N, C-alpha and C. Protein backbone atom coordinates (compact mmCIF):
# COMPACT_ATOMS: atom_id res chain seq x y z
N MET A 1 -0.71 50.72 7.12
CA MET A 1 0.65 50.20 7.16
C MET A 1 1.31 50.51 5.81
N ARG A 2 2.52 51.09 5.87
CA ARG A 2 3.30 51.36 4.67
C ARG A 2 3.54 50.04 3.95
N SER A 3 3.56 50.11 2.65
CA SER A 3 3.79 48.91 1.87
C SER A 3 5.18 48.36 2.14
N LEU A 4 5.24 47.14 2.57
CA LEU A 4 6.50 46.48 2.86
C LEU A 4 6.75 45.39 1.83
N LYS A 5 8.03 45.11 1.59
CA LYS A 5 8.40 43.97 0.77
C LYS A 5 8.94 42.91 1.73
N VAL A 6 8.32 41.73 1.70
CA VAL A 6 8.65 40.67 2.64
C VAL A 6 9.03 39.40 1.87
N LEU A 7 10.08 38.74 2.34
CA LEU A 7 10.50 37.44 1.81
C LEU A 7 10.17 36.37 2.84
N ILE A 8 9.52 35.30 2.39
CA ILE A 8 9.24 34.15 3.25
C ILE A 8 9.99 32.96 2.67
N LEU A 9 10.78 32.30 3.51
CA LEU A 9 11.38 31.02 3.13
C LEU A 9 10.71 29.95 3.97
N GLU A 10 9.93 29.11 3.31
CA GLU A 10 9.18 28.05 3.99
C GLU A 10 8.97 26.91 3.01
N PRO A 11 9.57 25.74 3.27
CA PRO A 11 9.44 24.62 2.32
C PRO A 11 8.07 23.94 2.31
N ASN A 12 7.30 24.07 3.39
CA ASN A 12 5.98 23.44 3.45
C ASN A 12 4.98 24.32 2.70
N PRO A 13 4.39 23.82 1.61
CA PRO A 13 3.50 24.64 0.80
C PRO A 13 2.30 25.20 1.57
N PHE A 14 1.74 24.40 2.47
CA PHE A 14 0.59 24.87 3.25
C PHE A 14 0.99 26.01 4.18
N GLN A 15 2.11 25.85 4.89
CA GLN A 15 2.56 26.90 5.80
C GLN A 15 2.99 28.16 5.04
N LEU A 16 3.60 27.97 3.86
CA LEU A 16 3.98 29.10 3.03
C LEU A 16 2.74 29.90 2.61
N MET A 17 1.70 29.18 2.17
CA MET A 17 0.45 29.83 1.77
C MET A 17 -0.19 30.54 2.97
N ALA A 18 -0.19 29.91 4.14
CA ALA A 18 -0.80 30.51 5.33
C ALA A 18 -0.07 31.80 5.73
N LEU A 19 1.25 31.78 5.69
CA LEU A 19 2.02 33.00 6.01
C LEU A 19 1.75 34.09 4.98
N HIS A 20 1.70 33.71 3.73
CA HIS A 20 1.44 34.68 2.66
C HIS A 20 0.07 35.32 2.87
N GLN A 21 -0.94 34.51 3.16
CA GLN A 21 -2.29 35.03 3.39
C GLN A 21 -2.34 35.90 4.65
N MET A 22 -1.59 35.52 5.68
CA MET A 22 -1.54 36.31 6.90
C MET A 22 -1.00 37.70 6.60
N LEU A 23 0.04 37.78 5.81
CA LEU A 23 0.62 39.07 5.43
C LEU A 23 -0.36 39.87 4.58
N ASN A 24 -1.02 39.22 3.63
CA ASN A 24 -2.03 39.90 2.81
C ASN A 24 -3.14 40.47 3.67
N ALA A 25 -3.55 39.73 4.70
CA ALA A 25 -4.64 40.17 5.57
C ALA A 25 -4.31 41.46 6.33
N VAL A 26 -3.02 41.73 6.54
CA VAL A 26 -2.63 42.97 7.23
C VAL A 26 -2.13 44.03 6.25
N GLY A 27 -2.39 43.81 4.96
CA GLY A 27 -2.09 44.82 3.97
C GLY A 27 -0.70 44.76 3.35
N ILE A 28 -0.03 43.63 3.48
CA ILE A 28 1.28 43.46 2.85
C ILE A 28 1.09 42.54 1.65
N TYR A 29 1.26 43.13 0.47
CA TYR A 29 1.00 42.39 -0.76
C TYR A 29 2.26 42.11 -1.58
N ASP A 30 3.35 42.79 -1.27
CA ASP A 30 4.61 42.55 -1.98
C ASP A 30 5.38 41.47 -1.23
N VAL A 31 5.02 40.23 -1.49
CA VAL A 31 5.55 39.09 -0.77
C VAL A 31 6.30 38.18 -1.74
N LEU A 32 7.57 37.93 -1.43
CA LEU A 32 8.37 36.98 -2.19
C LEU A 32 8.29 35.66 -1.44
N ALA A 33 7.69 34.67 -2.04
CA ALA A 33 7.50 33.37 -1.39
C ALA A 33 8.47 32.37 -2.00
N ALA A 34 9.28 31.75 -1.15
CA ALA A 34 10.29 30.80 -1.63
C ALA A 34 10.21 29.51 -0.84
N HIS A 35 10.37 28.40 -1.52
CA HIS A 35 10.34 27.09 -0.88
C HIS A 35 11.74 26.54 -0.62
N SER A 36 12.78 27.23 -1.12
CA SER A 36 14.15 26.77 -0.94
C SER A 36 15.09 27.96 -0.92
N LEU A 37 16.32 27.71 -0.47
CA LEU A 37 17.33 28.75 -0.45
C LEU A 37 17.60 29.27 -1.85
N SER A 38 17.71 28.38 -2.82
CA SER A 38 18.00 28.83 -4.18
C SER A 38 16.86 29.70 -4.74
N ALA A 39 15.62 29.33 -4.44
CA ALA A 39 14.48 30.15 -4.89
C ALA A 39 14.48 31.51 -4.21
N ALA A 40 14.83 31.56 -2.92
CA ALA A 40 14.89 32.83 -2.20
C ALA A 40 15.98 33.73 -2.79
N ARG A 41 17.14 33.15 -3.08
CA ARG A 41 18.24 33.94 -3.64
C ARG A 41 17.90 34.43 -5.05
N ARG A 42 17.21 33.61 -5.85
CA ARG A 42 16.78 34.06 -7.18
C ARG A 42 15.81 35.24 -7.06
N SER A 43 14.86 35.14 -6.13
CA SER A 43 13.90 36.23 -5.92
C SER A 43 14.60 37.52 -5.51
N LEU A 44 15.56 37.40 -4.59
CA LEU A 44 16.32 38.58 -4.17
C LEU A 44 17.11 39.16 -5.33
N GLY A 45 17.67 38.29 -6.17
CA GLY A 45 18.42 38.75 -7.33
C GLY A 45 17.55 39.51 -8.32
N ARG A 46 16.32 39.05 -8.50
CA ARG A 46 15.38 39.70 -9.43
C ARG A 46 14.73 40.93 -8.83
N ARG A 47 14.33 40.85 -7.58
CA ARG A 47 13.51 41.91 -6.97
C ARG A 47 14.25 42.82 -6.01
N GLY A 48 15.46 42.46 -5.63
CA GLY A 48 16.25 43.32 -4.75
C GLY A 48 15.91 43.16 -3.28
N MET A 49 16.50 44.01 -2.49
CA MET A 49 16.42 43.99 -1.03
C MET A 49 14.97 43.97 -0.54
N VAL A 50 14.76 43.30 0.59
CA VAL A 50 13.44 43.26 1.22
C VAL A 50 13.48 44.01 2.55
N ASP A 51 12.31 44.43 2.99
CA ASP A 51 12.22 45.05 4.32
C ASP A 51 12.41 43.99 5.40
N ILE A 52 11.67 42.88 5.26
CA ILE A 52 11.67 41.84 6.30
C ILE A 52 11.77 40.47 5.64
N ALA A 53 12.60 39.62 6.21
CA ALA A 53 12.68 38.22 5.79
C ALA A 53 12.16 37.36 6.94
N ILE A 54 11.36 36.37 6.59
CA ILE A 54 10.76 35.47 7.57
C ILE A 54 11.21 34.05 7.25
N CYS A 55 11.84 33.38 8.22
CA CYS A 55 12.21 31.98 7.98
C CYS A 55 12.56 31.28 9.29
N ASP A 56 12.59 29.96 9.19
CA ASP A 56 13.01 29.10 10.29
C ASP A 56 14.50 28.84 10.09
N PRO A 57 15.35 29.25 11.02
CA PRO A 57 16.79 29.05 10.83
C PRO A 57 17.22 27.59 10.88
N GLN A 58 16.33 26.70 11.33
CA GLN A 58 16.67 25.29 11.46
C GLN A 58 16.02 24.42 10.39
N LEU A 59 15.80 24.97 9.21
CA LEU A 59 15.23 24.19 8.13
C LEU A 59 16.16 23.04 7.77
N LYS A 60 15.57 21.93 7.36
CA LYS A 60 16.34 20.76 6.94
C LYS A 60 17.30 21.17 5.82
N GLY A 61 18.52 20.69 5.91
CA GLY A 61 19.52 21.00 4.89
C GLY A 61 20.26 22.30 5.13
N GLY A 62 19.90 23.02 6.18
CA GLY A 62 20.60 24.26 6.51
C GLY A 62 20.18 25.48 5.72
N ASP A 63 19.09 25.38 4.93
CA ASP A 63 18.66 26.51 4.10
C ASP A 63 18.34 27.76 4.92
N GLY A 64 17.67 27.59 6.05
CA GLY A 64 17.27 28.75 6.85
C GLY A 64 18.46 29.53 7.36
N LEU A 65 19.40 28.85 7.99
CA LEU A 65 20.58 29.52 8.53
C LEU A 65 21.43 30.09 7.39
N ALA A 66 21.51 29.38 6.27
CA ALA A 66 22.27 29.89 5.12
C ALA A 66 21.64 31.17 4.59
N LEU A 67 20.30 31.24 4.54
CA LEU A 67 19.64 32.46 4.08
C LEU A 67 19.91 33.60 5.05
N LEU A 68 19.78 33.35 6.35
CA LEU A 68 20.03 34.41 7.33
C LEU A 68 21.46 34.92 7.23
N THR A 69 22.40 34.02 7.05
CA THR A 69 23.80 34.42 6.89
C THR A 69 23.96 35.29 5.65
N HIS A 70 23.37 34.85 4.55
CA HIS A 70 23.44 35.61 3.30
C HIS A 70 22.82 37.01 3.48
N LEU A 71 21.65 37.07 4.10
CA LEU A 71 20.96 38.35 4.27
C LEU A 71 21.75 39.32 5.14
N THR A 72 22.38 38.81 6.20
CA THR A 72 23.13 39.70 7.08
C THR A 72 24.47 40.11 6.47
N GLU A 73 25.12 39.19 5.77
CA GLU A 73 26.41 39.52 5.15
C GLU A 73 26.26 40.49 3.98
N HIS A 74 25.19 40.32 3.20
CA HIS A 74 24.98 41.16 2.01
C HIS A 74 23.96 42.26 2.24
N VAL A 75 23.42 42.36 3.45
CA VAL A 75 22.41 43.34 3.85
C VAL A 75 21.30 43.43 2.77
N GLU A 76 20.67 42.28 2.53
CA GLU A 76 19.58 42.22 1.57
C GLU A 76 18.21 42.24 2.25
N ALA A 77 18.21 42.45 3.55
CA ALA A 77 16.97 42.64 4.32
C ALA A 77 17.28 43.66 5.40
N GLN A 78 16.25 44.39 5.79
CA GLN A 78 16.44 45.33 6.90
C GLN A 78 16.17 44.67 8.24
N ALA A 79 15.32 43.64 8.22
CA ALA A 79 14.95 43.00 9.48
C ALA A 79 14.58 41.53 9.24
N LEU A 80 14.63 40.75 10.32
CA LEU A 80 14.34 39.32 10.28
C LEU A 80 13.29 38.96 11.31
N ILE A 81 12.45 38.00 10.95
CA ILE A 81 11.55 37.37 11.91
C ILE A 81 11.82 35.87 11.81
N LEU A 82 12.17 35.27 12.93
CA LEU A 82 12.42 33.84 12.98
C LEU A 82 11.12 33.13 13.32
N ILE A 83 10.92 31.97 12.71
CA ILE A 83 9.74 31.18 13.02
C ILE A 83 10.15 29.74 13.32
N GLY A 84 9.30 29.04 14.03
CA GLY A 84 9.55 27.64 14.33
C GLY A 84 10.13 27.42 15.71
N ASP A 85 10.45 26.16 15.97
CA ASP A 85 11.07 25.78 17.24
C ASP A 85 12.58 25.95 17.10
N VAL A 86 13.08 27.08 17.54
CA VAL A 86 14.48 27.43 17.37
C VAL A 86 15.22 27.12 18.67
N ALA A 87 16.27 26.31 18.56
CA ALA A 87 17.08 25.97 19.72
C ALA A 87 17.73 27.23 20.28
N ALA A 88 17.90 27.26 21.59
CA ALA A 88 18.49 28.43 22.25
C ALA A 88 19.86 28.77 21.67
N SER A 89 20.66 27.76 21.37
CA SER A 89 22.00 28.02 20.82
C SER A 89 21.91 28.66 19.44
N VAL A 90 20.94 28.24 18.62
CA VAL A 90 20.77 28.83 17.29
C VAL A 90 20.27 30.26 17.43
N LEU A 91 19.35 30.50 18.35
CA LEU A 91 18.85 31.85 18.58
C LEU A 91 20.00 32.77 19.02
N GLN A 92 20.88 32.26 19.88
CA GLN A 92 22.05 33.05 20.29
C GLN A 92 22.94 33.35 19.10
N ASP A 93 23.17 32.36 18.24
CA ASP A 93 24.01 32.56 17.06
C ASP A 93 23.42 33.62 16.12
N VAL A 94 22.12 33.55 15.90
CA VAL A 94 21.47 34.52 15.01
C VAL A 94 21.50 35.91 15.64
N THR A 95 21.28 35.99 16.94
CA THR A 95 21.35 37.28 17.63
C THR A 95 22.75 37.88 17.50
N ALA A 96 23.77 37.06 17.68
CA ALA A 96 25.15 37.53 17.53
C ALA A 96 25.41 37.97 16.09
N MET A 97 24.92 37.20 15.13
CA MET A 97 25.11 37.52 13.72
C MET A 97 24.50 38.88 13.39
N THR A 98 23.28 39.13 13.87
CA THR A 98 22.62 40.40 13.57
C THR A 98 23.21 41.56 14.36
N SER A 99 23.84 41.28 15.49
CA SER A 99 24.45 42.37 16.26
C SER A 99 25.65 42.96 15.52
N ARG A 100 26.23 42.19 14.59
CA ARG A 100 27.38 42.67 13.80
C ARG A 100 26.94 43.20 12.44
N SER A 101 25.66 43.35 12.23
CA SER A 101 25.11 43.73 10.94
C SER A 101 24.04 44.80 11.14
N PRO A 102 23.77 45.59 10.09
CA PRO A 102 22.66 46.54 10.20
C PRO A 102 21.28 45.86 10.14
N VAL A 103 21.26 44.57 9.84
CA VAL A 103 20.00 43.82 9.79
C VAL A 103 19.53 43.58 11.23
N ARG A 104 18.27 43.91 11.49
CA ARG A 104 17.73 43.79 12.85
C ARG A 104 16.91 42.51 13.01
N LEU A 105 17.02 41.91 14.17
CA LEU A 105 16.21 40.75 14.52
C LEU A 105 14.98 41.25 15.26
N LEU A 106 13.81 41.16 14.62
CA LEU A 106 12.58 41.66 15.22
C LEU A 106 12.01 40.73 16.26
N GLY A 107 12.16 39.42 16.05
CA GLY A 107 11.60 38.49 17.01
C GLY A 107 11.54 37.08 16.50
N HIS A 108 10.97 36.23 17.34
CA HIS A 108 10.87 34.80 17.08
C HIS A 108 9.44 34.38 17.39
N LEU A 109 8.79 33.78 16.41
CA LEU A 109 7.42 33.29 16.59
C LEU A 109 7.40 31.78 16.44
N ARG A 110 6.81 31.12 17.42
CA ARG A 110 6.67 29.66 17.35
C ARG A 110 5.50 29.29 16.46
N LYS A 111 5.57 28.11 15.85
CA LYS A 111 4.47 27.60 15.03
C LYS A 111 3.48 26.89 15.92
N PRO A 112 2.19 26.98 15.69
CA PRO A 112 1.57 27.73 14.60
C PRO A 112 1.68 29.24 14.86
N ILE A 113 1.91 29.97 13.80
CA ILE A 113 2.14 31.41 13.90
C ILE A 113 0.84 32.12 14.25
N SER A 114 0.92 32.97 15.25
CA SER A 114 -0.22 33.80 15.64
C SER A 114 -0.25 35.06 14.78
N ALA A 115 -1.38 35.31 14.13
CA ALA A 115 -1.53 36.51 13.31
C ALA A 115 -1.39 37.77 14.16
N VAL A 116 -1.87 37.73 15.39
CA VAL A 116 -1.78 38.89 16.28
C VAL A 116 -0.32 39.20 16.62
N LEU A 117 0.45 38.16 16.95
CA LEU A 117 1.86 38.38 17.28
C LEU A 117 2.66 38.81 16.05
N MET A 118 2.33 38.25 14.88
CA MET A 118 2.99 38.67 13.65
C MET A 118 2.71 40.14 13.40
N ARG A 119 1.47 40.54 13.57
CA ARG A 119 1.09 41.95 13.37
C ARG A 119 1.85 42.85 14.34
N ASP A 120 2.01 42.41 15.59
CA ASP A 120 2.77 43.21 16.57
C ASP A 120 4.20 43.44 16.10
N LEU A 121 4.86 42.40 15.58
CA LEU A 121 6.23 42.55 15.10
C LEU A 121 6.29 43.48 13.89
N LEU A 122 5.33 43.35 12.99
CA LEU A 122 5.29 44.22 11.81
C LEU A 122 5.04 45.67 12.21
N ASP A 123 4.13 45.88 13.15
CA ASP A 123 3.87 47.24 13.65
C ASP A 123 5.11 47.82 14.32
N ASN A 124 5.81 47.00 15.10
CA ASN A 124 7.03 47.45 15.77
C ASN A 124 8.07 47.89 14.73
N TYR A 125 8.18 47.11 13.67
CA TYR A 125 9.11 47.47 12.60
C TYR A 125 8.72 48.81 11.98
N GLN A 126 7.43 48.98 11.69
CA GLN A 126 6.95 50.22 11.08
C GLN A 126 7.20 51.42 11.99
N LEU A 127 6.93 51.25 13.27
CA LEU A 127 7.16 52.35 14.20
C LEU A 127 8.65 52.69 14.29
N GLY A 128 9.49 51.67 14.30
CA GLY A 128 10.94 51.89 14.33
C GLY A 128 11.41 52.62 13.09
N GLN A 129 10.83 52.30 11.93
CA GLN A 129 11.21 52.95 10.68
C GLN A 129 10.75 54.41 10.66
N SER A 130 9.64 54.70 11.32
CA SER A 130 9.12 56.07 11.32
C SER A 130 9.81 56.94 12.37
N GLY A 131 10.60 56.31 13.22
CA GLY A 131 11.32 57.06 14.26
C GLY A 131 10.50 57.31 15.51
N LYS A 132 9.28 56.77 15.57
CA LYS A 132 8.43 57.01 16.74
C LYS A 132 8.86 56.18 17.94
N VAL A 133 9.30 54.97 17.71
CA VAL A 133 9.73 54.08 18.79
C VAL A 133 11.02 53.43 18.34
N PRO A 134 12.05 53.46 19.15
CA PRO A 134 13.28 52.79 18.73
C PRO A 134 13.06 51.29 18.58
N MET A 135 13.55 50.74 17.48
CA MET A 135 13.41 49.31 17.23
C MET A 135 14.51 48.58 17.97
N PRO A 136 14.16 47.58 18.78
CA PRO A 136 15.19 46.87 19.56
C PRO A 136 16.13 46.08 18.66
N ARG A 137 17.40 45.95 19.09
CA ARG A 137 18.37 45.18 18.34
C ARG A 137 18.30 43.70 18.70
N SER A 138 17.73 43.37 19.83
CA SER A 138 17.73 41.97 20.26
C SER A 138 16.41 41.30 19.92
N ALA A 139 16.44 39.99 19.95
CA ALA A 139 15.27 39.20 19.59
C ALA A 139 14.17 39.33 20.62
N VAL A 140 12.98 39.32 20.15
CA VAL A 140 11.79 39.28 20.99
C VAL A 140 11.24 37.87 20.84
N ASP A 141 11.19 37.13 21.90
CA ASP A 141 10.67 35.75 21.85
C ASP A 141 9.22 35.80 22.26
N VAL A 142 8.34 35.73 21.26
CA VAL A 142 6.90 35.82 21.56
C VAL A 142 6.20 34.55 21.18
């Protein structure tokens, strides 16, 4: 797998560590881990654009949706993976937001996150980047 830069926004330290380790296990070591919107924005400011951002759009305080809005408006990520129990209306909003942006929505993974399903989304992204398989513009609910 080509080296990817991934941003994770997850306020729960245990879940943040688990996602980070899951990415490391599949060979992704350039991981920006943030527990808040402000920490995520600081990391992006220091390290620049990421390939993939992973977050729950329904985080308490609106941090998740605010990050997704920021990423799509400023194109600071190439793709998004949503995690958690996302309401259908929020999923529709995020899908609409990404349809107006070059940022792609790779899919939605429910918690607890399956390493196999995460790997499938990452592989799909890699194949889309290599031109072998067109990457879908709509969300994959797995």
